[in-house]
Amino acid sequence: MKYIKLLLLIPFIGVVGFLPFANKIEPYVLGMPFLLFWIVFWMVFSSVILTIIYKFDPDNQGSETK
């Protein structure tokens, strides 16, 4: 679990790295143009990844008060 924060690279690569390949209007996914769907998908998926990091990061273990 030492490298759990490396998961933060996944949304960055997904949005910044693959955005030029997703820059198209068709096909429509869930009624949205593909580019809009791509951005919304990565926003939701980023929340999932941040939740995983929060739960498994050893720096978050312990009490809230110091």
PDB file of N, CA and C in Angstrom:
ATOM      1  N   MET A   1       0.814  -1.202   0.000  1.00  0.00           N
ATOM      2  CA  MET A   1       0.000   0.000   0.000  1.00  0.00           C
ATOM      3  C   MET A   1       0.857   1.265   0.000  1.00  0.00           C
ATOM      4  N   LYS A   2       2.143   1.079  -0.168  1.00  0.00           N
ATOM      5  CA  LYS A   2       3.062   2.205  -0.140  1.00  0.00           C
ATOM      6  C   LYS A   2       2.855   3.140  -1.338  1.00  0.00           C
ATOM      7  N   TYR A   3       2.466   2.572  -2.454  1.00  0.00           N
ATOM      8  CA  TYR A   3       2.343   3.346  -3.689  1.00  0.00           C
ATOM      9  C   TYR A   3       0.899   3.663  -4.047  1.00  0.00           C
ATOM     10  N   ILE A   4       0.031   3.735  -3.057  1.00  0.00           N
ATOM     11  CA  ILE A   4      -1.395   3.939  -3.318  1.00  0.00           C
ATOM     12  C   ILE A   4      -1.663   5.289  -3.979  1.00  0.00           C
ATOM     13  N   LYS A   5      -0.828   6.280  -3.707  1.00  0.00           N
ATOM     14  CA  LYS A   5      -1.055   7.610  -4.274  1.00  0.00           C
ATOM     15  C   LYS A   5      -0.726   7.671  -5.761  1.00  0.00           C
ATOM     16  N   LEU A   6      -0.085   6.638  -6.278  1.00  0.00           N
ATOM     17  CA  LEU A   6       0.169   6.589  -7.715  1.00  0.00           C
ATOM     18  C   LEU A   6      -1.122   6.402  -8.510  1.00  0.00           C
ATOM     19  N   LEU A   7      -2.189   5.980  -7.826  1.00  0.00           N
ATOM     20  CA  LEU A   7      -3.486   5.869  -8.497  1.00  0.00           C
ATOM     21  C   LEU A   7      -3.983   7.224  -8.999  1.00  0.00           C
ATOM     22  N   LEU A   8      -3.455   8.300  -8.440  1.00  0.00           N
ATOM     23  CA  LEU A   8      -3.854   9.636  -8.880  1.00  0.00           C
ATOM     24  C   LEU A   8      -3.420   9.916 -10.314  1.00  0.00           C
ATOM     25  N   LEU A   9      -2.484   9.168 -10.811  1.00  0.00           N
ATOM     26  CA  LEU A   9      -2.038   9.355 -12.188  1.00  0.00           C
ATOM     27  C   LEU A   9      -3.067   8.849 -13.201  1.00  0.00           C
ATOM     28  N   ILE A  10      -3.893   7.912 -12.810  1.00  0.00           N
ATOM     29  CA  ILE A  10      -4.859   7.323 -13.741  1.00  0.00           C
ATOM     30  C   ILE A  10      -5.834   8.369 -14.284  1.00  0.00           C
ATOM     31  N   PRO A  11      -6.512   9.164 -13.423  1.00  0.00           N
ATOM     32  CA  PRO A  11      -7.413  10.183 -13.992  1.00  0.00           C
ATOM     33  C   PRO A  11      -6.675  11.243 -14.797  1.00  0.00           C
ATOM     34  N   PHE A  12      -5.490  11.611 -14.362  1.00  0.00           N
ATOM     35  CA  PHE A  12      -4.718  12.615 -15.089  1.00  0.00           C
ATOM     36  C   PHE A  12      -4.388  12.130 -16.496  1.00  0.00           C
ATOM     37  N   ILE A  13      -3.910  10.908 -16.589  1.00  0.00           N
ATOM     38  CA  ILE A  13      -3.583  10.351 -17.905  1.00  0.00           C
ATOM     39  C   ILE A  13      -4.846  10.173 -18.741  1.00  0.00           C
ATOM     40  N   GLY A  14      -5.934   9.743 -18.104  1.00  0.00           N
ATOM     41  CA  GLY A  14      -7.180   9.542 -18.830  1.00  0.00           C
ATOM     42  C   GLY A  14      -7.743  10.810 -19.419  1.00  0.00           C
ATOM     43  N   VAL A  15      -7.668  11.897 -18.667  1.00  0.00           N
ATOM     44  CA  VAL A  15      -8.241  13.155 -19.146  1.00  0.00           C
ATOM     45  C   VAL A  15      -7.267  13.883 -20.065  1.00  0.00           C
ATOM     46  N   VAL A  16      -6.066  14.094 -19.609  1.00  0.00           N
ATOM     47  CA  VAL A  16      -5.109  14.895 -20.371  1.00  0.00           C
ATOM     48  C   VAL A  16      -4.489  14.098 -21.513  1.00  0.00           C
ATOM     49  N   GLY A  17      -4.143  12.861 -21.236  1.00  0.00           N
ATOM     50  CA  GLY A  17      -3.439  12.066 -22.238  1.00  0.00           C
ATOM     51  C   GLY A  17      -4.305  11.589 -23.384  1.00  0.00           C
ATOM     52  N   PHE A  18      -5.528  11.188 -23.074  1.00  0.00           N
ATOM     53  CA  PHE A  18      -6.386  10.619 -24.100  1.00  0.00           C
ATOM     54  C   PHE A  18      -7.465  11.567 -24.603  1.00  0.00           C
ATOM     55  N   LEU A  19      -7.483  12.782 -24.113  1.00  0.00           N
ATOM     56  CA  LEU A  19      -8.494  13.744 -24.556  1.00  0.00           C
ATOM     57  C   LEU A  19      -8.433  14.027 -26.051  1.00  0.00           C
ATOM     58  N   PRO A  20      -7.255  14.145 -26.652  1.00  0.00           N
ATOM     59  CA  PRO A  20      -7.247  14.357 -28.112  1.00  0.00           C
ATOM     60  C   PRO A  20      -7.889  13.211 -28.902  1.00  0.00           C
ATOM     61  N   PHE A  21      -7.806  11.998 -28.371  1.00  0.00           N
ATOM     62  CA  PHE A  21      -8.416  10.856 -29.053  1.00  0.00           C
ATOM     63  C   PHE A  21      -9.924  10.799 -28.832  1.00  0.00           C
ATOM     64  N   ALA A  22     -10.391  11.409 -27.755  1.00  0.00           N
ATOM     65  CA  ALA A  22     -11.820  11.404 -27.440  1.00  0.00           C
ATOM     66  C   ALA A  22     -12.528  12.633 -27.986  1.00  0.00           C
ATOM     67  N   ASN A  23     -11.814  13.491 -28.657  1.00  0.00           N
ATOM     68  CA  ASN A  23     -12.381  14.748 -29.139  1.00  0.00           C
ATOM     69  C   ASN A  23     -13.210  14.515 -30.400  1.00  0.00           C
ATOM     70  N   LYS A  24     -14.395  13.959 -30.194  1.00  0.00           N
ATOM     71  CA  LYS A  24     -15.339  13.752 -31.290  1.00  0.00           C
ATOM     72  C   LYS A  24     -16.753  13.859 -30.752  1.00  0.00           C
ATOM     73  N   ILE A  25     -17.657  14.172 -31.625  1.00  0.00           N
ATOM     74  CA  ILE A  25     -19.044  14.359 -31.213  1.00  0.00           C
ATOM     75  C   ILE A  25     -19.792  13.032 -31.201  1.00  0.00           C
ATOM     76  N   GLU A  26     -19.590  12.246 -32.216  1.00  0.00           N
ATOM     77  CA  GLU A  26     -20.301  10.968 -32.298  1.00  0.00           C
ATOM     78  C   GLU A  26     -19.350   9.856 -31.934  1.00  0.00           C
ATOM     79  N   PRO A  27     -19.759   8.836 -31.309  1.00  0.00           N
ATOM     80  CA  PRO A  27     -21.115   8.407 -30.995  1.00  0.00           C
ATOM     81  C   PRO A  27     -21.663   9.128 -29.763  1.00  0.00           C
ATOM     82  N   TYR A  28     -22.965   9.130 -29.669  1.00  0.00           N
ATOM     83  CA  TYR A  28     -23.617   9.662 -28.481  1.00  0.00           C
ATOM     84  C   TYR A  28     -23.690   8.555 -27.437  1.00  0.00           C
ATOM     85  N   VAL A  29     -23.314   8.893 -26.214  1.00  0.00           N
ATOM     86  CA  VAL A  29     -23.352   7.929 -25.115  1.00  0.00           C
ATOM     87  C   VAL A  29     -24.231   8.535 -24.028  1.00  0.00           C
ATOM     88  N   LEU A  30     -25.271   7.822 -23.661  1.00  0.00           N
ATOM     89  CA  LEU A  30     -26.243   8.296 -22.670  1.00  0.00           C
ATOM     90  C   LEU A  30     -26.822   9.648 -23.057  1.00  0.00           C
ATOM     91  N   GLY A  31     -26.972   9.880 -24.333  1.00  0.00           N
ATOM     92  CA  GLY A  31     -27.552  11.116 -24.836  1.00  0.00           C
ATOM     93  C   GLY A  31     -26.588  12.287 -24.884  1.00  0.00           C
ATOM     94  N   MET A  32     -25.318  12.042 -24.568  1.00  0.00           N
ATOM     95  CA  MET A  32     -24.317  13.110 -24.575  1.00  0.00           C
ATOM     96  C   MET A  32     -23.332  12.882 -25.704  1.00  0.00           C
ATOM     97  N   PRO A  33     -22.811  13.946 -26.274  1.00  0.00           N
ATOM     98  CA  PRO A  33     -21.709  13.762 -27.223  1.00  0.00           C
ATOM     99  C   PRO A  33     -20.543  13.059 -26.523  1.00  0.00           C
ATOM    100  N   PHE A  34     -19.754  12.343 -27.281  1.00  0.00           N
ATOM    101  CA  PHE A  34     -18.723  11.504 -26.693  1.00  0.00           C
ATOM    102  C   PHE A  34     -17.735  12.298 -25.836  1.00  0.00           C
ATOM    103  N   LEU A  35     -17.351  13.481 -26.262  1.00  0.00           N
ATOM    104  CA  LEU A  35     -16.400  14.275 -25.493  1.00  0.00           C
ATOM    105  C   LEU A  35     -16.964  14.656 -24.132  1.00  0.00           C
ATOM    106  N   LEU A  36     -18.224  15.057 -24.086  1.00  0.00           N
ATOM    107  CA  LEU A  36     -18.855  15.395 -22.816  1.00  0.00           C
ATOM    108  C   LEU A  36     -18.955  14.158 -21.926  1.00  0.00           C
ATOM    109  N   PHE A  37     -19.334  13.029 -22.506  1.00  0.00           N
ATOM    110  CA  PHE A  37     -19.382  11.789 -21.741  1.00  0.00           C
ATOM    111  C   PHE A  37     -18.007  11.441 -21.188  1.00  0.00           C
ATOM    112  N   TRP A  38     -16.961  11.619 -21.983  1.00  0.00           N
ATOM    113  CA  TRP A  38     -15.596  11.298 -21.575  1.00  0.00           C
ATOM    114  C   TRP A  38     -15.209  12.119 -20.335  1.00  0.00           C
ATOM    115  N   ILE A  39     -15.510  13.404 -20.353  1.00  0.00           N
ATOM    116  CA  ILE A  39     -15.157  14.277 -19.238  1.00  0.00           C
ATOM    117  C   ILE A  39     -15.970  13.921 -17.995  1.00  0.00           C
ATOM    118  N   VAL A  40     -17.257  13.680 -18.156  1.00  0.00           N
ATOM    119  CA  VAL A  40     -18.104  13.310 -17.021  1.00  0.00           C
ATOM    120  C   VAL A  40     -17.673  11.969 -16.446  1.00  0.00           C
ATOM    121  N   PHE A  41     -17.354  11.015 -17.309  1.00  0.00           N
ATOM    122  CA  PHE A  41     -16.892   9.707 -16.839  1.00  0.00           C
ATOM    123  C   PHE A  41     -15.650   9.847 -15.972  1.00  0.00           C
ATOM    124  N   TRP A  42     -14.696  10.635 -16.416  1.00  0.00           N
ATOM    125  CA  TRP A  42     -13.456  10.764 -15.651  1.00  0.00           C
ATOM    126  C   TRP A  42     -13.673  11.548 -14.356  1.00  0.00           C
ATOM    127  N   MET A  43     -14.616  12.445 -14.326  1.00  0.00           N
ATOM    128  CA  MET A  43     -14.929  13.133 -13.068  1.00  0.00           C
ATOM    129  C   MET A  43     -15.489  12.147 -12.042  1.00  0.00           C
ATOM    130  N   VAL A  44     -16.406  11.295 -12.474  1.00  0.00           N
ATOM    131  CA  VAL A  44     -16.989  10.300 -11.569  1.00  0.00           C
ATOM    132  C   VAL A  44     -15.940   9.271 -11.165  1.00  0.00           C
ATOM    133  N   PHE A  45     -15.159   8.796 -12.127  1.00  0.00           N
ATOM    134  CA  PHE A  45     -14.138   7.794 -11.845  1.00  0.00           C
ATOM    135  C   PHE A  45     -13.036   8.365 -10.941  1.00  0.00           C
ATOM    136  N   SER A  46     -12.741   9.650 -11.078  1.00  0.00           N
ATOM    137  CA  SER A  46     -11.764  10.293 -10.197  1.00  0.00           C
ATOM    138  C   SER A  46     -12.260  10.286  -8.749  1.00  0.00           C
ATOM    139  N   SER A  47     -13.548  10.480  -8.555  1.00  0.00           N
ATOM    140  CA  SER A  47     -14.114  10.419  -7.208  1.00  0.00           C
ATOM    141  C   SER A  47     -13.962   9.033  -6.607  1.00  0.00           C
ATOM    142  N   VAL A  48     -14.157   8.014  -7.424  1.00  0.00           N
ATOM    143  CA  VAL A  48     -13.983   6.639  -6.957  1.00  0.00           C
ATOM    144  C   VAL A  48     -12.525   6.392  -6.570  1.00  0.00           C
ATOM    145  N   ILE A  49     -11.612   6.839  -7.379  1.00  0.00           N
ATOM    146  CA  ILE A  49     -10.190   6.640  -7.090  1.00  0.00           C
ATOM    147  C   ILE A  49      -9.781   7.405  -5.830  1.00  0.00           C
ATOM    148  N   LEU A  50     -10.270   8.629  -5.673  1.00  0.00           N
ATOM    149  CA  LEU A  50      -9.952   9.390  -4.464  1.00  0.00           C
ATOM    150  C   LEU A  50     -10.512   8.723  -3.209  1.00  0.00           C
ATOM    151  N   THR A  51     -11.675   8.102  -3.322  1.00  0.00           N
ATOM    152  CA  THR A  51     -12.239   7.364  -2.196  1.00  0.00           C
ATOM    153  C   THR A  51     -11.375   6.167  -1.840  1.00  0.00           C
ATOM    154  N   ILE A  52     -10.908   5.453  -2.837  1.00  0.00           N
ATOM    155  CA  ILE A  52     -10.029   4.306  -2.600  1.00  0.00           C
ATOM    156  C   ILE A  52      -8.737   4.754  -1.929  1.00  0.00           C
ATOM    157  N   ILE A  53      -8.162   5.834  -2.406  1.00  0.00           N
ATOM    158  CA  ILE A  53      -6.928   6.346  -1.810  1.00  0.00           C
ATOM    159  C   ILE A  53      -7.165   6.762  -0.365  1.00  0.00           C
ATOM    160  N   TYR A  54      -8.269   7.418  -0.111  1.00  0.00           N
ATOM    161  CA  TYR A  54      -8.580   7.854   1.249  1.00  0.00           C
ATOM    162  C   TYR A  54      -8.718   6.662   2.196  1.00  0.00           C
ATOM    163  N   LYS A  55      -9.375   5.612   1.742  1.00  0.00           N
ATOM    164  CA  LYS A  55      -9.612   4.453   2.602  1.00  0.00           C
ATOM    165  C   LYS A  55      -8.338   3.649   2.862  1.00  0.00           C
ATOM    166  N   PHE A  56      -7.451   3.539   1.884  1.00  0.00           N
ATOM    167  CA  PHE A  56      -6.302   2.647   2.000  1.00  0.00           C
ATOM    168  C   PHE A  56      -4.971   3.354   2.245  1.00  0.00           C
ATOM    169  N   ASP A  57      -4.949   4.670   2.273  1.00  0.00           N
ATOM    170  CA  ASP A  57      -3.702   5.396   2.493  1.00  0.00           C
ATOM    171  C   ASP A  57      -3.283   5.274   3.954  1.00  0.00           C
ATOM    172  N   PRO A  58      -2.067   4.814   4.208  1.00  0.00           N
ATOM    173  CA  PRO A  58      -1.632   4.659   5.611  1.00  0.00           C
ATOM    174  C   PRO A  58      -1.531   6.005   6.354  1.00  0.00           C
ATOM    175  N   ASP A  59      -1.381   7.111   5.631  1.00  0.00           N
ATOM    176  CA  ASP A  59      -1.313   8.415   6.304  1.00  0.00           C
ATOM    177  C   ASP A  59      -2.645   8.807   6.914  1.00  0.00           C
ATOM    178  N   ASN A  60      -3.748   8.220   6.478  1.00  0.00           N
ATOM    179  CA  ASN A  60      -5.069   8.542   7.001  1.00  0.00           C
ATOM    180  C   ASN A  60      -5.467   7.664   8.178  1.00  0.00           C
ATOM    181  N   GLN A  61      -4.639   6.729   8.532  1.00  0.00           N
ATOM    182  CA  GLN A  61      -4.962   5.826   9.642  1.00  0.00           C
ATOM    183  C   GLN A  61      -4.669   6.519  10.964  1.00  0.00           C
ATOM    184  N   GLY A  62      -5.474   6.259  11.940  1.00  0.00           N
ATOM    185  CA  GLY A  62      -5.254   6.856  13.258  1.00  0.00           C
ATOM    186  C   GLY A  62      -6.368   7.796  13.634  1.00  0.00           C
ATOM    187  N   SER A  63      -6.155   8.509  14.713  1.00  0.00           N
ATOM    188  CA  SER A  63      -7.205   9.388  15.207  1.00  0.00           C
ATOM    189  C   SER A  63      -7.189  10.726  14.492  1.00  0.00           C
ATOM    190  N   GLU A  64      -8.310  11.412  14.578  1.00  0.00           N
ATOM    191  CA  GLU A  64      -8.458  12.711  13.938  1.00  0.00           C
ATOM    192  C   GLU A  64      -7.822  13.823  14.770  1.00  0.00           C
ATOM    193  N   THR A  65      -7.796  13.651  16.086  1.00  0.00           N
ATOM    194  CA  THR A  65      -7.229  14.693  16.961  1.00  0.00           C
ATOM    195  C   THR A  65      -5.757  14.414  17.226  1.00  0.00           C
ATOM    196  N   LYS A  66      -5.006  15.482  17.385  1.00  0.00           N
ATOM    197  CA  LYS A  66      -3.580  15.319  17.648  1.00  0.00           C
ATOM    198  C   LYS A  66      -3.193  16.044  18.917  1.00  0.00           C
TER     199      LYS A  66
END
